[in-house]
């Protein structure tokens, strides 16, 4: 799996490390689940749910002015939905196009 370790856990408390260090059968279970999603053409609605945490950009010293320009947000979403997204991207990347100026979404 090419997902980065050390990231925040999702709202169920699962992180990438949980999947990486779990029993090897998890790969088979997830493959069957993901293939079923592809077969029915749907994913669970909670795969699209995330929450955003505001973070201060760069140095967080006391003299830093608190403004919207100094804050960025990170979205926390389900780890299993991220794995599914990585699988889809890896499988269909030859058929998907992006533009060089696309950033963030």
C-alpha atoms as a PDB file:
ATOM      1  CA  UNK A   1       0.000   0.000   0.000  1.00  0.00           C
ATOM      2  CA  UNK A   2       1.408   3.377  -0.972  1.00  0.00           C
ATOM      3  CA  UNK A   3      -0.457   5.443   1.623  1.00  0.00           C
ATOM      4  CA  UNK A   4       1.624   7.462   4.065  1.00  0.00           C
ATOM      5  CA  UNK A   5       1.858   6.349   7.659  1.00  0.00           C
ATOM      6  CA  UNK A   6       1.660   8.693  10.630  1.00  0.00           C
ATOM      7  CA  UNK A   7      -1.468  10.500   9.457  1.00  0.00           C
ATOM      8  CA  UNK A   8      -4.465  11.239  11.671  1.00  0.00           C
ATOM      9  CA  UNK A   9      -6.921   8.450  12.403  1.00  0.00           C
ATOM     10  CA  UNK A  10     -10.424   8.666  10.948  1.00  0.00           C
ATOM     11  CA  UNK A  11     -13.485   9.240  13.124  1.00  0.00           C
ATOM     12  CA  UNK A  12     -13.672   5.521  13.917  1.00  0.00           C
ATOM     13  CA  UNK A  13     -10.103   5.613  15.202  1.00  0.00           C
ATOM     14  CA  UNK A  14      -8.699   3.646  12.255  1.00  0.00           C
ATOM     15  CA  UNK A  15      -5.416   4.618  10.684  1.00  0.00           C
ATOM     16  CA  UNK A  16      -3.355   3.310   7.805  1.00  0.00           C
ATOM     17  CA  UNK A  17      -1.199   1.451  10.313  1.00  0.00           C
ATOM     18  CA  UNK A  18      -4.230  -0.590  11.440  1.00  0.00           C
ATOM     19  CA  UNK A  19      -4.601  -1.931   7.919  1.00  0.00           C
ATOM     20  CA  UNK A  20      -0.882  -2.373   7.279  1.00  0.00           C
ATOM     21  CA  UNK A  21      -0.270  -4.365  10.453  1.00  0.00           C
ATOM     22  CA  UNK A  22      -3.500  -6.367  10.443  1.00  0.00           C
ATOM     23  CA  UNK A  23      -3.785 -10.011   9.404  1.00  0.00           C
ATOM     24  CA  UNK A  24      -2.897 -10.573   5.721  1.00  0.00           C
ATOM     25  CA  UNK A  25      -6.456 -11.751   5.024  1.00  0.00           C
ATOM     26  CA  UNK A  26      -7.571  -8.102   5.191  1.00  0.00           C
ATOM     27  CA  UNK A  27      -6.339  -7.727   1.599  1.00  0.00           C
ATOM     28  CA  UNK A  28      -8.703 -10.486   0.436  1.00  0.00           C
ATOM     29  CA  UNK A  29     -11.617  -9.062   2.418  1.00  0.00           C
ATOM     30  CA  UNK A  30     -11.080  -5.555   1.061  1.00  0.00           C
ATOM     31  CA  UNK A  31     -10.645  -6.871  -2.496  1.00  0.00           C
ATOM     32  CA  UNK A  32     -13.992  -8.702  -2.277  1.00  0.00           C
ATOM     33  CA  UNK A  33     -15.642  -5.620  -0.793  1.00  0.00           C
ATOM     34  CA  UNK A  34     -14.205  -3.283  -3.438  1.00  0.00           C
ATOM     35  CA  UNK A  35     -15.119  -5.660  -6.263  1.00  0.00           C
ATOM     36  CA  UNK A  36     -18.669  -5.754  -4.908  1.00  0.00           C
ATOM     37  CA  UNK A  37     -18.761  -1.936  -4.943  1.00  0.00           C
ATOM     38  CA  UNK A  38     -17.664  -1.998  -8.572  1.00  0.00           C
ATOM     39  CA  UNK A  39     -20.211  -4.683  -9.440  1.00  0.00           C
ATOM     40  CA  UNK A  40     -23.184  -2.776  -7.990  1.00  0.00           C
ATOM     41  CA  UNK A  41     -21.811   0.622  -9.057  1.00  0.00           C
ATOM     42  CA  UNK A  42     -22.167   2.200  -5.613  1.00  0.00           C
ATOM     43  CA  UNK A  43     -20.110   2.917  -2.523  1.00  0.00           C
ATOM     44  CA  UNK A  44     -21.396   3.493   1.008  1.00  0.00           C
ATOM     45  CA  UNK A  45     -22.651   7.027   1.552  1.00  0.00           C
ATOM     46  CA  UNK A  46     -20.346   7.473   4.548  1.00  0.00           C
ATOM     47  CA  UNK A  47     -17.343   7.169   2.208  1.00  0.00           C
ATOM     48  CA  UNK A  48     -18.063  10.759   1.203  1.00  0.00           C
ATOM     49  CA  UNK A  49     -18.146  12.103   4.756  1.00  0.00           C
ATOM     50  CA  UNK A  50     -15.149  13.900   6.210  1.00  0.00           C
ATOM     51  CA  UNK A  51     -14.451  16.597   8.722  1.00  0.00           C
ATOM     52  CA  UNK A  52     -12.087  19.523   8.391  1.00  0.00           C
ATOM     53  CA  UNK A  53      -9.596  20.629  11.013  1.00  0.00           C
ATOM     54  CA  UNK A  54      -8.205  24.177  10.805  1.00  0.00           C
ATOM     55  CA  UNK A  55      -4.418  24.452  11.205  1.00  0.00           C
ATOM     56  CA  UNK A  56      -2.150  27.465  11.365  1.00  0.00           C
ATOM     57  CA  UNK A  57       0.262  27.690   8.432  1.00  0.00           C
ATOM     58  CA  UNK A  58       3.998  27.615   9.020  1.00  0.00           C
ATOM     59  CA  UNK A  59       5.496  29.035  12.207  1.00  0.00           C
ATOM     60  CA  UNK A  60       3.020  29.239  15.084  1.00  0.00           C
ATOM     61  CA  UNK A  61       4.770  31.907  17.164  1.00  0.00           C
ATOM     62  CA  UNK A  62       2.865  34.207  19.515  1.00  0.00           C
ATOM     63  CA  UNK A  63       3.534  37.241  17.304  1.00  0.00           C
ATOM     64  CA  UNK A  64       1.816  35.658  14.302  1.00  0.00           C
ATOM     65  CA  UNK A  65      -1.340  37.473  13.270  1.00  0.00           C
ATOM     66  CA  UNK A  66      -4.422  35.230  13.367  1.00  0.00           C
ATOM     67  CA  UNK A  67      -6.231  35.648  10.065  1.00  0.00           C
ATOM     68  CA  UNK A  68      -7.913  33.524   7.431  1.00  0.00           C
ATOM     69  CA  UNK A  69      -4.809  33.781   5.224  1.00  0.00           C
ATOM     70  CA  UNK A  70      -2.749  32.071   7.964  1.00  0.00           C
ATOM     71  CA  UNK A  71      -5.046  29.067   8.328  1.00  0.00           C
ATOM     72  CA  UNK A  72      -5.370  25.983   6.158  1.00  0.00           C
ATOM     73  CA  UNK A  73      -7.724  23.074   6.579  1.00  0.00           C
ATOM     74  CA  UNK A  74      -7.058  19.353   6.450  1.00  0.00           C
ATOM     75  CA  UNK A  75      -9.868  16.896   5.799  1.00  0.00           C
ATOM     76  CA  UNK A  76     -10.085  13.657   7.727  1.00  0.00           C
ATOM     77  CA  UNK A  77     -11.982  10.904   5.931  1.00  0.00           C
ATOM     78  CA  UNK A  78     -12.435   7.141   6.274  1.00  0.00           C
ATOM     79  CA  UNK A  79      -9.236   5.145   5.839  1.00  0.00           C
ATOM     80  CA  UNK A  80     -11.045   2.377   3.945  1.00  0.00           C
ATOM     81  CA  UNK A  81     -12.473   4.926   1.490  1.00  0.00           C
ATOM     82  CA  UNK A  82      -8.941   6.276   0.929  1.00  0.00           C
ATOM     83  CA  UNK A  83      -7.689   2.754   0.204  1.00  0.00           C
ATOM     84  CA  UNK A  84     -10.578   2.264  -2.229  1.00  0.00           C
ATOM     85  CA  UNK A  85      -9.715   5.561  -3.925  1.00  0.00           C
ATOM     86  CA  UNK A  86      -6.061   4.526  -4.272  1.00  0.00           C
ATOM     87  CA  UNK A  87      -7.132   1.192  -5.782  1.00  0.00           C
ATOM     88  CA  UNK A  88      -9.437   2.909  -8.287  1.00  0.00           C
ATOM     89  CA  UNK A  89      -6.753   5.414  -9.218  1.00  0.00           C
ATOM     90  CA  UNK A  90      -4.132   2.701  -9.693  1.00  0.00           C
ATOM     91  CA  UNK A  91      -6.476   0.533 -11.776  1.00  0.00           C
ATOM     92  CA  UNK A  92      -7.905   3.287 -13.988  1.00  0.00           C
ATOM     93  CA  UNK A  93      -5.117   5.891 -14.067  1.00  0.00           C
ATOM     94  CA  UNK A  94      -4.499   5.242 -17.771  1.00  0.00           C
ATOM     95  CA  UNK A  95      -8.063   6.378 -18.497  1.00  0.00           C
ATOM     96  CA  UNK A  96      -8.113   9.449 -16.229  1.00  0.00           C
ATOM     97  CA  UNK A  97      -6.727  12.839 -17.172  1.00  0.00           C
ATOM     98  CA  UNK A  98      -5.657  15.727 -14.971  1.00  0.00           C
ATOM     99  CA  UNK A  99      -4.487  19.191 -15.832  1.00  0.00           C
ATOM    100  CA  UNK A 100      -1.155  20.613 -14.628  1.00  0.00           C
ATOM    101  CA  UNK A 101      -2.910  23.559 -12.975  1.00  0.00           C
ATOM    102  CA  UNK A 102      -5.253  21.329 -10.958  1.00  0.00           C
ATOM    103  CA  UNK A 103      -4.448  21.573  -7.277  1.00  0.00           C
ATOM    104  CA  UNK A 104      -6.197  20.244  -4.208  1.00  0.00           C
ATOM    105  CA  UNK A 105      -9.399  19.046  -5.821  1.00  0.00           C
END
